Protein backbone atom coordinates (compact mmCIF):
# COMPACT_ATOMS: atom_id res chain seq x y z
CA UNK A 1 0.00 0.00 0.00
CA UNK A 2 1.22 3.51 -0.82
CA UNK A 3 0.48 6.34 1.61
CA UNK A 4 1.44 9.93 0.94
CA UNK A 5 1.14 12.48 3.74
CA UNK A 6 1.10 16.16 2.85
CA UNK A 7 2.44 17.94 5.89
CA UNK A 8 4.55 20.89 7.03
CA UNK A 9 6.26 18.54 9.50
CA UNK A 10 7.41 15.48 7.53
CA UNK A 11 9.94 14.40 10.18
CA UNK A 12 7.15 14.16 12.74
CA UNK A 13 5.06 11.91 10.53
CA UNK A 14 8.02 9.77 9.49
CA UNK A 15 8.43 8.82 13.14
CA UNK A 16 5.45 6.46 12.78
CA UNK A 17 7.57 4.08 10.70
CA UNK A 18 10.56 4.18 13.02
CA UNK A 19 9.39 1.37 15.28
CA UNK A 20 6.79 -1.35 15.78
CA UNK A 21 4.29 -2.85 13.37
CA UNK A 22 4.39 0.04 10.90
CA UNK A 23 8.17 0.08 10.80
CA UNK A 24 8.34 -3.67 10.15
CA UNK A 25 5.67 -3.39 7.47
CA UNK A 26 7.64 -0.74 5.63
CA UNK A 27 10.88 -2.74 5.81
CA UNK A 28 9.07 -5.77 4.39
CA UNK A 29 7.66 -3.74 1.52
CA UNK A 30 4.03 -3.99 2.64
CA UNK A 31 3.81 -0.23 3.07
CA UNK A 32 5.39 2.72 1.29
CA UNK A 33 5.14 5.99 3.20
CA UNK A 34 6.03 9.28 1.52
CA UNK A 35 5.88 12.69 3.16
CA UNK A 36 5.41 15.77 1.00
CA UNK A 37 6.05 19.27 2.32
CA UNK A 38 3.82 21.88 0.63
CA UNK A 39 6.59 24.43 1.18
CA UNK A 40 8.39 22.71 -1.68
CA UNK A 41 5.58 23.96 -3.94
CA UNK A 42 5.47 27.53 -2.59
CA UNK A 43 5.97 30.17 -5.25
CA UNK A 44 7.92 32.85 -3.36
CA UNK A 45 11.45 33.05 -2.00
CA UNK A 46 10.19 32.76 1.59
CA UNK A 47 8.30 29.52 0.78
CA UNK A 48 5.09 30.98 2.18
CA UNK A 49 2.29 28.47 2.77
CA UNK A 50 -0.22 30.56 4.72
CA UNK A 51 -1.97 33.91 4.57
CA UNK A 52 -4.53 36.01 6.45
CA UNK A 53 -8.17 34.88 6.19
CA UNK A 54 -10.56 36.84 4.01
CA UNK A 55 -13.15 38.56 6.17
CA UNK A 56 -10.71 39.01 9.02
CA UNK A 57 -10.33 37.02 12.20
CA UNK A 58 -7.49 35.43 14.17
CA UNK A 59 -4.85 33.08 12.84
CA UNK A 60 -3.73 32.16 9.36
CA UNK A 61 -5.06 29.84 6.66
CA UNK A 62 -3.04 27.46 4.50
CA UNK A 63 -2.91 28.74 0.92
CA UNK A 64 -4.49 26.95 -1.99
CA UNK A 65 -1.69 27.30 -4.54
CA UNK A 66 0.96 25.18 -2.85
CA UNK A 67 -1.57 22.61 -1.63
CA UNK A 68 -3.13 22.18 -5.06
CA UNK A 69 0.26 21.56 -6.61
CA UNK A 70 1.26 19.09 -3.90
CA UNK A 71 -1.99 17.11 -4.07
CA UNK A 72 -2.08 17.00 -7.85
CA UNK A 73 1.55 15.91 -8.05
CA UNK A 74 0.74 13.02 -5.72
CA UNK A 75 -2.38 12.14 -7.69
CA UNK A 76 -0.28 11.91 -10.83
CA UNK A 77 2.43 9.86 -9.11
CA UNK A 78 0.07 7.41 -7.41
CA UNK A 79 -2.54 7.06 -10.14
CA UNK A 80 -5.94 7.39 -8.51
CA UNK A 81 -5.44 7.73 -4.76
CA UNK A 82 -8.17 8.62 -2.30
CA UNK A 83 -7.50 12.05 -0.79
CA UNK A 84 -8.46 12.37 2.88
CA UNK A 85 -8.29 15.62 4.81
CA UNK A 86 -7.73 15.24 8.57
CA UNK A 87 -9.89 17.87 10.26
CA UNK A 88 -12.12 18.28 13.36
CA UNK A 89 -15.00 18.88 10.95
CA UNK A 90 -14.60 15.42 9.44
CA UNK A 91 -16.42 12.15 9.94
CA UNK A 92 -15.37 10.46 13.22
CA UNK A 93 -12.85 7.72 12.52
CA UNK A 94 -14.21 4.19 12.82
CA UNK A 95 -12.56 0.80 12.40
CA UNK A 96 -14.79 0.10 9.41
CA UNK A 97 -13.29 3.16 7.66
CA UNK A 98 -9.78 1.80 8.17
CA UNK A 99 -10.85 -1.62 6.92
CA UNK A 100 -12.24 -0.07 3.75
CA UNK A 101 -9.11 2.02 3.27
CA UNK A 102 -6.83 -1.00 3.68
CA UNK A 103 -8.35 -2.47 0.51
CA UNK A 104 -7.17 0.49 -1.59
CA UNK A 105 -3.79 0.70 -3.28
CA UNK A 106 -2.96 4.30 -2.41
CA UNK A 107 -4.13 7.24 -0.30
CA UNK A 108 -3.12 10.85 0.23
CA UNK A 109 -3.54 12.17 3.79
CA UNK A 110 -3.74 15.96 3.96
CA UNK A 111 -2.69 17.59 7.23
CA UNK A 112 -3.97 21.06 7.99
CA UNK A 113 -2.31 23.62 10.24
CA UNK A 114 -3.09 27.07 11.63
CA UNK A 115 -6.85 27.77 11.27
CA UNK A 116 -7.15 25.14 8.54
CA UNK A 117 -6.91 25.11 4.76
CA UNK A 118 -8.57 27.17 2.03
CA UNK A 119 -12.03 25.64 1.59
CA UNK A 120 -11.60 25.50 -2.18
CA UNK A 121 -9.02 22.74 -1.67
CA UNK A 122 -11.75 20.64 -0.06
CA UNK A 123 -14.12 21.33 -2.92
CA UNK A 124 -11.56 20.64 -5.67
CA UNK A 125 -9.42 17.79 -4.39
CA UNK A 126 -10.63 16.18 -1.14
CA UNK A 127 -12.62 12.94 -1.35
CA UNK A 128 -13.33 12.53 2.36
CA UNK A 129 -12.82 14.41 5.62
CA UNK A 130 -11.90 12.38 8.72
CA UNK A 131 -11.65 13.36 12.37
CA UNK A 132 -10.21 11.64 15.45
CA UNK A 133 -13.02 13.05 17.58
CA UNK A 134 -14.63 16.13 19.04
CA UNK A 135 -11.46 17.97 19.99
CA UNK A 136 -8.84 20.15 18.32
CA UNK A 137 -5.14 19.43 17.81
CA UNK A 138 -2.42 21.74 16.53
CA UNK A 139 -2.51 20.03 13.15
CA UNK A 140 -3.43 16.89 11.26
CA UNK A 141 -0.14 15.08 11.72
CA UNK A 142 -1.11 13.03 14.77
CA UNK A 143 -4.36 12.09 13.06
CA UNK A 144 -2.47 11.05 9.93
CA UNK A 145 -0.10 8.92 12.02
CA UNK A 146 -3.10 7.29 13.66
CA UNK A 147 -4.58 6.42 10.27
CA UNK A 148 -1.24 5.05 9.04
CA UNK A 149 -0.87 2.85 12.11
CA UNK A 150 -4.49 1.68 12.09
CA UNK A 151 -4.60 0.80 8.40
CA UNK A 152 -1.18 -0.90 8.41
CA UNK A 153 -2.37 -3.39 11.03
CA UNK A 154 -5.03 -4.52 8.57
CA UNK A 155 -2.67 -5.20 5.69
CA UNK A 156 -2.12 -8.91 4.93
CA UNK A 157 0.93 -10.31 6.78
CA UNK A 158 1.54 -7.05 8.69
CA UNK A 159 0.93 -8.67 12.09
CA UNK A 160 2.71 -11.64 13.54
CA UNK A 161 -0.51 -13.61 14.04
CA UNK A 162 -3.01 -13.81 11.21
CA UNK A 163 -5.99 -13.43 13.57
CA UNK A 164 -4.66 -10.52 15.64
CA UNK A 165 -6.34 -7.77 13.60
CA UNK A 166 -9.56 -9.75 13.33
CA UNK A 167 -9.87 -9.91 17.12
CA UNK A 168 -9.11 -6.24 17.77
CA UNK A 169 -11.71 -3.97 19.30
CA UNK A 170 -14.35 -2.80 16.80
CA UNK A 171 -13.24 -5.28 14.13
CA UNK A 172 -16.42 -7.28 14.82
CA UNK A 173 -18.40 -4.25 15.95
CA UNK A 174 -17.65 -4.74 19.65
CA UNK A 175 -15.01 -3.77 22.17
CA UNK A 176 -12.34 -6.40 22.72
CA UNK A 177 -12.64 -8.97 25.49
CA UNK A 178 -10.21 -8.94 28.48
CA UNK A 179 -6.78 -10.54 28.04
CA UNK A 180 -4.63 -12.39 30.59
CA UNK A 181 -1.16 -13.92 30.71
CA UNK A 182 1.23 -15.35 33.32
CA UNK A 183 1.35 -15.41 36.28
CA UNK A 184 -2.03 -16.94 37.10
CA UNK A 185 -2.41 -14.79 40.20
CA UNK A 186 -1.53 -11.10 40.62
CA UNK A 187 -1.97 -10.04 44.25
CA UNK A 188 -5.55 -11.23 44.94
CA UNK A 189 -6.69 -11.35 41.31
CA UNK A 190 -6.73 -14.67 39.45
CA UNK A 191 -7.13 -15.57 35.79
CA UNK A 192 -10.74 -16.61 35.04
CA UNK A 193 -10.91 -20.37 35.37
CA UNK A 194 -12.55 -20.84 31.97
CA UNK A 195 -9.35 -19.62 30.29
CA UNK A 196 -7.41 -22.40 32.02
CA UNK A 197 -9.95 -25.11 31.17
CA UNK A 198 -8.67 -25.98 27.71
CA UNK A 199 -12.29 -26.07 26.48
CA UNK A 200 -12.06 -23.90 23.37
CA UNK A 201 -15.82 -23.65 22.87
CA UNK A 202 -16.35 -22.41 26.43
CA UNK A 203 -13.46 -19.99 26.04
CA UNK A 204 -14.93 -18.65 22.80
CA UNK A 205 -18.33 -18.12 24.42
CA UNK A 206 -16.78 -16.45 27.47
CA UNK A 207 -14.81 -14.03 25.31
CA UNK A 208 -17.89 -13.20 23.25
CA UNK A 209 -19.88 -12.62 26.43
CA UNK A 210 -17.19 -10.32 27.84
CA UNK A 211 -17.00 -8.36 24.59
CA UNK A 212 -20.76 -7.89 24.55
CA UNK A 213 -20.90 -6.92 28.21
CA UNK A 214 -17.94 -4.56 28.03
CA UNK A 215 -19.45 -2.83 24.99
CA UNK A 216 -22.80 -2.54 26.76
CA UNK A 217 -21.21 -0.93 29.81
CA UNK A 218 -18.66 1.32 28.10
CA UNK A 219 -20.04 2.05 24.64
CA UNK A 220 -23.80 1.42 24.57
CA UNK A 221 -23.97 3.60 21.44
CA UNK A 222 -21.91 1.00 19.56
CA UNK A 223 -24.09 -1.88 20.75
CA UNK A 224 -27.27 -0.09 19.68
CA UNK A 225 -26.03 -0.21 16.10
CA UNK A 226 -25.76 -4.01 16.12
CA UNK A 227 -28.52 -6.49 15.38
CA UNK A 228 -27.79 -9.05 18.09
CA UNK A 229 -28.51 -12.72 17.51
CA UNK A 230 -30.52 -14.68 20.07
CA UNK A 231 -27.31 -16.25 21.31
CA UNK A 232 -25.69 -12.83 21.78
CA UNK A 233 -28.75 -11.62 23.69
CA UNK A 234 -28.50 -14.63 25.97
CA UNK A 235 -24.79 -14.07 26.54
CA UNK A 236 -25.34 -10.41 27.32
CA UNK A 237 -28.13 -11.30 29.74
CA UNK A 238 -25.82 -13.79 31.47
CA UNK A 239 -23.12 -11.14 31.71
CA UNK A 240 -25.47 -8.65 33.37
CA UNK A 241 -26.66 -11.30 35.84
CA UNK A 242 -23.05 -12.06 36.77
CA UNK A 243 -22.36 -8.35 37.25
CA UNK A 244 -25.32 -7.99 39.60
CA UNK A 245 -24.30 -11.10 41.55
CA UNK A 246 -20.75 -9.74 41.89
CA UNK A 247 -22.04 -6.39 43.15
CA UNK A 248 -24.21 -8.10 45.76
CA UNK A 249 -21.28 -10.18 47.04
CA UNK A 250 -19.04 -7.14 47.28
């Protein structure tokens, strides 16, 4: 997969491939990450990329001329990439969006700075606008790095275990179930006995029940979007009964 990030801070974005899953994916040729600085397309000796907003107001706005040239150069180089602008006004990022993106061959991630970018860039060149959530960062670089990391995990052979990405939170529409490893007891907390039973069917049901229950408690909005099977309803009901029993005992 080819990812191009248009950013005023290419060294910051390049840090995402320095270590971990993304770094290994790039070394193995599964991912090609390019960073493009719009200053390289500025038309004046000072390499100016921003200007005062029409109509007045605080801050500066990224200019259209350098951004248009940068985006169009990447479109020509990559063929037909999807162009995504990282902005607080965008659609909240979901796992399903990353899954869809991982099936594409190339993408251009556009990072804004200052008060944002000239709106005509959005109208002319942007295919989608994505947001990390209802908050504001200094620029789109951290959001772009998040997208790069999230989509890389979904590329074939990027993870050490073929089922790791499948079992991540939100991959099946639910939060992930709890995980445990050695030792079996930490202070007064023990590993759930079902995980030590060796009964894979019981373990599978327990994990599904925990995922359903955890999603119900922490992200009921996510669960409301799912059409639960009768078995899932039963598992969720069992989870809630266990919670109530635990609260009574405590």
